[in-house]
Amino acid sequence: MGHKASDDWPEEYIIVVPHSWRDDHLWLDIQVETHERIGTSLREMYADLEQLPLSPSLIVLVRQIDAGRSAPEAHG
């Protein structure tokens, strides 16, 4: 029976992994689960952020980025 990365290390612990273990599949599982937890936490923390209006300076920046994406690249 295999172990899941979260079986031995609760999320509030800091995990120090020796270099010799870093090619181990368990280490990759730990990284994936940690990234997923961080992503979930950030989405929960900032769920309302998308609903807030942008400041005028950010609107200008977004328009500049959009214009740069839609402009054809000059090859020279």
PDB file of N, CA and C in Angstrom:
ATOM      1  N   MET A   1       0.840  -1.173   0.000  1.00  0.00           N
ATOM      2  CA  MET A   1       0.000   0.000   0.000  1.00  0.00           C
ATOM      3  C   MET A   1       0.888   1.239   0.000  1.00  0.00           C
ATOM      4  N   GLY A   2       0.646   2.157  -0.937  1.00  0.00           N
ATOM      5  CA  GLY A   2       1.447   3.363  -1.028  1.00  0.00           C
ATOM      6  C   GLY A   2       0.964   4.432  -0.074  1.00  0.00           C
ATOM      7  N   HIS A   3       1.863   5.352   0.219  1.00  0.00           N
ATOM      8  CA  HIS A   3       1.518   6.476   1.086  1.00  0.00           C
ATOM      9  C   HIS A   3       1.230   7.693   0.236  1.00  0.00           C
ATOM     10  N   LYS A   4       0.267   8.490   0.656  1.00  0.00           N
ATOM     11  CA  LYS A   4       0.055   9.785   0.039  1.00  0.00           C
ATOM     12  C   LYS A   4       1.024  10.762   0.691  1.00  0.00           C
ATOM     13  N   ALA A   5       1.340  11.813  -0.023  1.00  0.00           N
ATOM     14  CA  ALA A   5       2.280  12.790   0.513  1.00  0.00           C
ATOM     15  C   ALA A   5       1.773  13.397   1.814  1.00  0.00           C
ATOM     16  N   SER A   6       0.474  13.544   1.950  1.00  0.00           N
ATOM     17  CA  SER A   6      -0.066  14.200   3.147  1.00  0.00           C
ATOM     18  C   SER A   6      -0.246  13.246   4.323  1.00  0.00           C
ATOM     19  N   ASP A   7       0.015  11.946   4.164  1.00  0.00           N
ATOM     20  CA  ASP A   7      -0.169  10.985   5.251  1.00  0.00           C
ATOM     21  C   ASP A   7       0.740  11.255   6.447  1.00  0.00           C
ATOM     22  N   ASP A   8       1.967  11.678   6.179  1.00  0.00           N
ATOM     23  CA  ASP A   8       2.943  11.814   7.249  1.00  0.00           C
ATOM     24  C   ASP A   8       3.214  13.249   7.662  1.00  0.00           C
ATOM     25  N   TRP A   9       2.860  14.228   6.839  1.00  0.00           N
ATOM     26  CA  TRP A   9       3.228  15.607   7.109  1.00  0.00           C
ATOM     27  C   TRP A   9       1.989  16.499   7.071  1.00  0.00           C
ATOM     28  N   PRO A  10       1.490  16.892   8.245  1.00  0.00           N
ATOM     29  CA  PRO A  10       0.366  17.837   8.275  1.00  0.00           C
ATOM     30  C   PRO A  10       0.753  19.157   7.614  1.00  0.00           C
ATOM     31  N   GLU A  11      -0.214  19.869   7.082  1.00  0.00           N
ATOM     32  CA  GLU A  11       0.090  21.057   6.295  1.00  0.00           C
ATOM     33  C   GLU A  11       0.740  22.185   7.091  1.00  0.00           C
ATOM     34  N   GLU A  12       0.595  22.204   8.413  1.00  0.00           N
ATOM     35  CA  GLU A  12       1.198  23.295   9.175  1.00  0.00           C
ATOM     36  C   GLU A  12       2.677  23.063   9.471  1.00  0.00           C
ATOM     37  N   TYR A  13       3.229  21.934   9.086  1.00  0.00           N
ATOM     38  CA  TYR A  13       4.639  21.629   9.328  1.00  0.00           C
ATOM     39  C   TYR A  13       5.500  22.140   8.179  1.00  0.00           C
ATOM     40  N   ILE A  14       6.716  22.514   8.497  1.00  0.00           N
ATOM     41  CA  ILE A  14       7.703  22.845   7.480  1.00  0.00           C
ATOM     42  C   ILE A  14       8.494  21.573   7.216  1.00  0.00           C
ATOM     43  N   ILE A  15       8.615  21.212   5.963  1.00  0.00           N
ATOM     44  CA  ILE A  15       9.272  19.962   5.601  1.00  0.00           C
ATOM     45  C   ILE A  15      10.632  20.270   4.991  1.00  0.00           C
ATOM     46  N   VAL A  16      11.663  19.677   5.538  1.00  0.00           N
ATOM     47  CA  VAL A  16      13.001  19.796   4.988  1.00  0.00           C
ATOM     48  C   VAL A  16      13.322  18.465   4.320  1.00  0.00           C
ATOM     49  N   VAL A  17      13.614  18.529   3.030  1.00  0.00           N
ATOM     50  CA  VAL A  17      13.852  17.307   2.267  1.00  0.00           C
ATOM     51  C   VAL A  17      15.307  17.287   1.798  1.00  0.00           C
ATOM     52  N   PRO A  18      16.056  16.276   2.190  1.00  0.00           N
ATOM     53  CA  PRO A  18      17.454  16.171   1.743  1.00  0.00           C
ATOM     54  C   PRO A  18      17.544  16.075   0.217  1.00  0.00           C
ATOM     55  N   HIS A  19      18.640  16.576  -0.326  1.00  0.00           N
ATOM     56  CA  HIS A  19      18.837  16.526  -1.774  1.00  0.00           C
ATOM     57  C   HIS A  19      18.725  15.106  -2.317  1.00  0.00           C
ATOM     58  N   SER A  20      19.177  14.134  -1.552  1.00  0.00           N
ATOM     59  CA  SER A  20      19.156  12.749  -2.033  1.00  0.00           C
ATOM     60  C   SER A  20      17.736  12.219  -2.222  1.00  0.00           C
ATOM     61  N   TRP A  21      16.732  12.832  -1.599  1.00  0.00           N
ATOM     62  CA  TRP A  21      15.338  12.379  -1.732  1.00  0.00           C
ATOM     63  C   TRP A  21      14.584  13.108  -2.833  1.00  0.00           C
ATOM     64  N   ARG A  22      15.156  14.145  -3.368  1.00  0.00           N
ATOM     65  CA  ARG A  22      14.387  15.024  -4.243  1.00  0.00           C
ATOM     66  C   ARG A  22      14.007  14.407  -5.576  1.00  0.00           C
ATOM     67  N   ASP A  23      14.573  13.293  -5.943  1.00  0.00           N
ATOM     68  CA  ASP A  23      14.149  12.602  -7.155  1.00  0.00           C
ATOM     69  C   ASP A  23      13.067  11.585  -6.849  1.00  0.00           C
ATOM     70  N   ASP A  24      12.710  11.429  -5.606  1.00  0.00           N
ATOM     71  CA  ASP A  24      11.708  10.465  -5.166  1.00  0.00           C
ATOM     72  C   ASP A  24      10.313  10.953  -5.554  1.00  0.00           C
ATOM     73  N   HIS A  25       9.466  10.027  -5.974  1.00  0.00           N
ATOM     74  CA  HIS A  25       8.097  10.356  -6.373  1.00  0.00           C
ATOM     75  C   HIS A  25       7.308  10.964  -5.209  1.00  0.00           C
ATOM     76  N   LEU A  26       7.578  10.552  -3.991  1.00  0.00           N
ATOM     77  CA  LEU A  26       6.894  11.105  -2.825  1.00  0.00           C
ATOM     78  C   LEU A  26       7.149  12.601  -2.712  1.00  0.00           C
ATOM     79  N   TRP A  27       8.391  13.024  -2.978  1.00  0.00           N
ATOM     80  CA  TRP A  27       8.723  14.448  -2.929  1.00  0.00           C
ATOM     81  C   TRP A  27       7.895  15.216  -3.946  1.00  0.00           C
ATOM     82  N   LEU A  28       7.737  14.680  -5.144  1.00  0.00           N
ATOM     83  CA  LEU A  28       6.909  15.345  -6.156  1.00  0.00           C
ATOM     84  C   LEU A  28       5.455  15.416  -5.708  1.00  0.00           C
ATOM     85  N   ASP A  29       4.964  14.365  -5.080  1.00  0.00           N
ATOM     86  CA  ASP A  29       3.595  14.374  -4.547  1.00  0.00           C
ATOM     87  C   ASP A  29       3.423  15.451  -3.490  1.00  0.00           C
ATOM     88  N   ILE A  30       4.421  15.601  -2.629  1.00  0.00           N
ATOM     89  CA  ILE A  30       4.371  16.636  -1.596  1.00  0.00           C
ATOM     90  C   ILE A  30       4.295  18.016  -2.250  1.00  0.00           C
ATOM     91  N   GLN A  31       5.110  18.237  -3.265  1.00  0.00           N
ATOM     92  CA  GLN A  31       5.101  19.526  -3.955  1.00  0.00           C
ATOM     93  C   GLN A  31       3.742  19.803  -4.598  1.00  0.00           C
ATOM     94  N   VAL A  32       3.184  18.824  -5.296  1.00  0.00           N
ATOM     95  CA  VAL A  32       1.906  18.999  -5.972  1.00  0.00           C
ATOM     96  C   VAL A  32       0.800  19.299  -4.966  1.00  0.00           C
ATOM     97  N   GLU A  33       0.736  18.521  -3.893  1.00  0.00           N
ATOM     98  CA  GLU A  33      -0.304  18.741  -2.883  1.00  0.00           C
ATOM     99  C   GLU A  33      -0.147  20.103  -2.217  1.00  0.00           C
ATOM    100  N   THR A  34       1.080  20.508  -1.960  1.00  0.00           N
ATOM    101  CA  THR A  34       1.319  21.806  -1.337  1.00  0.00           C
ATOM    102  C   THR A  34       0.902  22.931  -2.267  1.00  0.00           C
ATOM    103  N   HIS A  35       1.251  22.837  -3.535  1.00  0.00           N
ATOM    104  CA  HIS A  35       0.864  23.864  -4.497  1.00  0.00           C
ATOM    105  C   HIS A  35      -0.650  23.941  -4.626  1.00  0.00           C
ATOM    106  N   GLU A  36      -1.321  22.787  -4.620  1.00  0.00           N
ATOM    107  CA  GLU A  36      -2.779  22.783  -4.696  1.00  0.00           C
ATOM    108  C   GLU A  36      -3.393  23.448  -3.468  1.00  0.00           C
ATOM    109  N   ARG A  37      -2.855  23.156  -2.284  1.00  0.00           N
ATOM    110  CA  ARG A  37      -3.378  23.782  -1.052  1.00  0.00           C
ATOM    111  C   ARG A  37      -3.171  25.291  -1.074  1.00  0.00           C
ATOM    112  N   ILE A  38      -1.988  25.716  -1.525  1.00  0.00           N
ATOM    113  CA  ILE A  38      -1.701  27.150  -1.597  1.00  0.00           C
ATOM    114  C   ILE A  38      -2.649  27.815  -2.587  1.00  0.00           C
ATOM    115  N   GLY A  39      -2.834  27.201  -3.739  1.00  0.00           N
ATOM    116  CA  GLY A  39      -3.746  27.755  -4.743  1.00  0.00           C
ATOM    117  C   GLY A  39      -5.168  27.865  -4.229  1.00  0.00           C
ATOM    118  N   THR A  40      -5.634  26.825  -3.553  1.00  0.00           N
ATOM    119  CA  THR A  40      -6.983  26.839  -2.987  1.00  0.00           C
ATOM    120  C   THR A  40      -7.116  27.931  -1.941  1.00  0.00           C
ATOM    121  N   SER A  41      -6.125  28.049  -1.071  1.00  0.00           N
ATOM    122  CA  SER A  41      -6.158  29.084  -0.030  1.00  0.00           C
ATOM    123  C   SER A  41      -6.187  30.482  -0.641  1.00  0.00           C
ATOM    124  N   LEU A  42      -5.363  30.716  -1.657  1.00  0.00           N
ATOM    125  CA  LEU A  42      -5.336  32.033  -2.295  1.00  0.00           C
ATOM    126  C   LEU A  42      -6.654  32.341  -2.999  1.00  0.00           C
ATOM    127  N   ARG A  43      -7.232  31.341  -3.673  1.00  0.00           N
ATOM    128  CA  ARG A  43      -8.522  31.570  -4.337  1.00  0.00           C
ATOM    129  C   ARG A  43      -9.602  31.901  -3.319  1.00  0.00           C
ATOM    130  N   GLU A  44      -9.582  31.235  -2.168  1.00  0.00           N
ATOM    131  CA  GLU A  44     -10.561  31.526  -1.119  1.00  0.00           C
ATOM    132  C   GLU A  44     -10.340  32.915  -0.530  1.00  0.00           C
ATOM    133  N   MET A  45      -9.077  33.274  -0.299  1.00  0.00           N
ATOM    134  CA  MET A  45      -8.769  34.572   0.306  1.00  0.00           C
ATOM    135  C   MET A  45      -9.153  35.732  -0.607  1.00  0.00           C
ATOM    136  N   TYR A  46      -8.961  35.534  -1.906  1.00  0.00           N
ATOM    137  CA  TYR A  46      -9.156  36.637  -2.839  1.00  0.00           C
ATOM    138  C   TYR A  46     -10.346  36.412  -3.764  1.00  0.00           C
ATOM    139  N   ALA A  47     -11.341  35.665  -3.314  1.00  0.00           N
ATOM    140  CA  ALA A  47     -12.508  35.353  -4.144  1.00  0.00           C
ATOM    141  C   ALA A  47     -13.243  36.611  -4.582  1.00  0.00           C
ATOM    142  N   ASP A  48     -13.308  37.601  -3.718  1.00  0.00           N
ATOM    143  CA  ASP A  48     -14.037  38.831  -4.041  1.00  0.00           C
ATOM    144  C   ASP A  48     -13.211  39.811  -4.862  1.00  0.00           C
ATOM    145  N   LEU A  49     -11.949  39.554  -5.013  1.00  0.00           N
ATOM    146  CA  LEU A  49     -11.064  40.495  -5.695  1.00  0.00           C
ATOM    147  C   LEU A  49     -11.505  40.755  -7.131  1.00  0.00           C
ATOM    148  N   GLU A  50     -11.975  39.722  -7.818  1.00  0.00           N
ATOM    149  CA  GLU A  50     -12.401  39.896  -9.212  1.00  0.00           C
ATOM    150  C   GLU A  50     -13.622  40.792  -9.332  1.00  0.00           C
ATOM    151  N   GLN A  51     -14.376  40.931  -8.265  1.00  0.00           N
ATOM    152  CA  GLN A  51     -15.593  41.736  -8.287  1.00  0.00           C
ATOM    153  C   GLN A  51     -15.312  43.223  -8.057  1.00  0.00           C
ATOM    154  N   LEU A  52     -14.131  43.556  -7.561  1.00  0.00           N
ATOM    155  CA  LEU A  52     -13.805  44.948  -7.267  1.00  0.00           C
ATOM    156  C   LEU A  52     -13.442  45.688  -8.546  1.00  0.00           C
ATOM    157  N   PRO A  53     -13.819  46.963  -8.652  1.00  0.00           N
ATOM    158  CA  PRO A  53     -13.443  47.736  -9.840  1.00  0.00           C
ATOM    159  C   PRO A  53     -11.943  48.033  -9.841  1.00  0.00           C
ATOM    160  N   LEU A  54     -11.384  48.135 -11.036  1.00  0.00           N
ATOM    161  CA  LEU A  54      -9.969  48.474 -11.168  1.00  0.00           C
ATOM    162  C   LEU A  54      -9.774  49.968 -10.994  1.00  0.00           C
ATOM    163  N   SER A  55      -8.623  50.329 -10.492  1.00  0.00           N
ATOM    164  CA  SER A  55      -8.287  51.751 -10.386  1.00  0.00           C
ATOM    165  C   SER A  55      -8.046  52.285 -11.801  1.00  0.00           C
ATOM    166  N   PRO A  56      -8.186  53.602 -11.996  1.00  0.00           N
ATOM    167  CA  PRO A  56      -7.951  54.173 -13.334  1.00  0.00           C
ATOM    168  C   PRO A  56      -6.569  53.847 -13.889  1.00  0.00           C
ATOM    169  N   SER A  57      -5.551  53.857 -13.061  1.00  0.00           N
ATOM    170  CA  SER A  57      -4.202  53.557 -13.564  1.00  0.00           C
ATOM    171  C   SER A  57      -4.086  52.094 -14.001  1.00  0.00           C
ATOM    172  N   LEU A  58      -4.773  51.178 -13.300  1.00  0.00           N
ATOM    173  CA  LEU A  58      -4.752  49.776 -13.728  1.00  0.00           C
ATOM    174  C   LEU A  58      -5.545  49.574 -15.012  1.00  0.00           C
ATOM    175  N   ILE A  59      -6.615  50.318 -15.199  1.00  0.00           N
ATOM    176  CA  ILE A  59      -7.386  50.224 -16.451  1.00  0.00           C
ATOM    177  C   ILE A  59      -6.502  50.626 -17.618  1.00  0.00           C
ATOM    178  N   VAL A  60      -5.745  51.713 -17.456  1.00  0.00           N
ATOM    179  CA  VAL A  60      -4.825  52.155 -18.514  1.00  0.00           C
ATOM    180  C   VAL A  60      -3.796  51.062 -18.796  1.00  0.00           C
ATOM    181  N   LEU A  61      -3.233  50.477 -17.770  1.00  0.00           N
ATOM    182  CA  LEU A  61      -2.237  49.420 -17.943  1.00  0.00           C
ATOM    183  C   LEU A  61      -2.826  48.212 -18.671  1.00  0.00           C
ATOM    184  N   VAL A  62      -4.021  47.790 -18.281  1.00  0.00           N
ATOM    185  CA  VAL A  62      -4.674  46.656 -18.942  1.00  0.00           C
ATOM    186  C   VAL A  62      -4.893  46.954 -20.416  1.00  0.00           C
ATOM    187  N   ARG A  63      -5.331  48.150 -20.722  1.00  0.00           N
ATOM    188  CA  ARG A  63      -5.555  48.529 -22.139  1.00  0.00           C
ATOM    189  C   ARG A  63      -4.250  48.529 -22.919  1.00  0.00           C
ATOM    190  N   GLN A  64      -3.166  48.976 -22.284  1.00  0.00           N
ATOM    191  CA  GLN A  64      -1.860  48.959 -22.959  1.00  0.00           C
ATOM    192  C   GLN A  64      -1.416  47.523 -23.233  1.00  0.00           C
ATOM    193  N   ILE A  65      -1.622  46.644 -22.260  1.00  0.00           N
ATOM    194  CA  ILE A  65      -1.247  45.237 -22.444  1.00  0.00           C
ATOM    195  C   ILE A  65      -2.088  44.617 -23.540  1.00  0.00           C
ATOM    196  N   ASP A  66      -3.398  44.857 -23.508  1.00  0.00           N
ATOM    197  CA  ASP A  66      -4.286  44.316 -24.551  1.00  0.00           C
ATOM    198  C   ASP A  66      -3.900  44.842 -25.924  1.00  0.00           C
ATOM    199  N   ALA A  67      -3.577  46.110 -26.023  1.00  0.00           N
ATOM    200  CA  ALA A  67      -3.174  46.698 -27.311  1.00  0.00           C
ATOM    201  C   ALA A  67      -1.866  46.069 -27.790  1.00  0.00           C
ATOM    202  N   GLY A  68      -0.955  45.803 -26.879  1.00  0.00           N
ATOM    203  CA  GLY A  68       0.315  45.164 -27.249  1.00  0.00           C
ATOM    204  C   GLY A  68       0.130  43.752 -27.734  1.00  0.00           C
ATOM    205  N   ARG A  69      -0.839  43.048 -27.179  1.00  0.00           N
ATOM    206  CA  ARG A  69      -1.123  41.667 -27.601  1.00  0.00           C
ATOM    207  C   ARG A  69      -1.779  41.618 -28.963  1.00  0.00           C
ATOM    208  N   SER A  70      -2.614  42.623 -29.256  1.00  0.00           N
ATOM    209  CA  SER A  70      -3.342  42.574 -30.522  1.00  0.00           C
ATOM    210  C   SER A  70      -2.549  43.204 -31.655  1.00  0.00           C
ATOM    211  N   ALA A  71      -1.507  43.973 -31.336  1.00  0.00           N
ATOM    212  CA  ALA A  71      -0.694  44.583 -32.381  1.00  0.00           C
ATOM    213  C   ALA A  71       0.188  43.530 -33.032  1.00  0.00           C
ATOM    214  N   PRO A  72       0.260  43.550 -34.359  1.00  0.00           N
ATOM    215  CA  PRO A  72       1.135  42.577 -35.040  1.00  0.00           C
ATOM    216  C   PRO A  72       2.601  42.885 -34.726  1.00  0.00           C
ATOM    217  N   GLU A  73       3.376  41.825 -34.599  1.00  0.00           N
ATOM    218  CA  GLU A  73       4.800  41.990 -34.323  1.00  0.00           C
ATOM    219  C   GLU A  73       5.528  42.476 -35.574  1.00  0.00           C
ATOM    220  N   ALA A  74       6.413  43.426 -35.363  1.00  0.00           N
ATOM    221  CA  ALA A  74       7.232  43.906 -36.463  1.00  0.00           C
ATOM    222  C   ALA A  74       8.484  43.041 -36.555  1.00  0.00           C
ATOM    223  N   HIS A  75       8.709  42.478 -37.703  1.00  0.00           N
ATOM    224  CA  HIS A  75       9.919  41.673 -37.897  1.00  0.00           C
ATOM    225  C   HIS A  75      10.880  42.498 -38.728  1.00  0.00           C
ATOM    226  N   GLY A  76      12.074  42.628 -38.225  1.00  0.00           N
ATOM    227  CA  GLY A  76      12.986  43.495 -38.949  1.00  0.00           C
ATOM    228  C   GLY A  76      14.304  42.976 -38.985  1.00  0.00           C
TER     229      GLY A  76
END
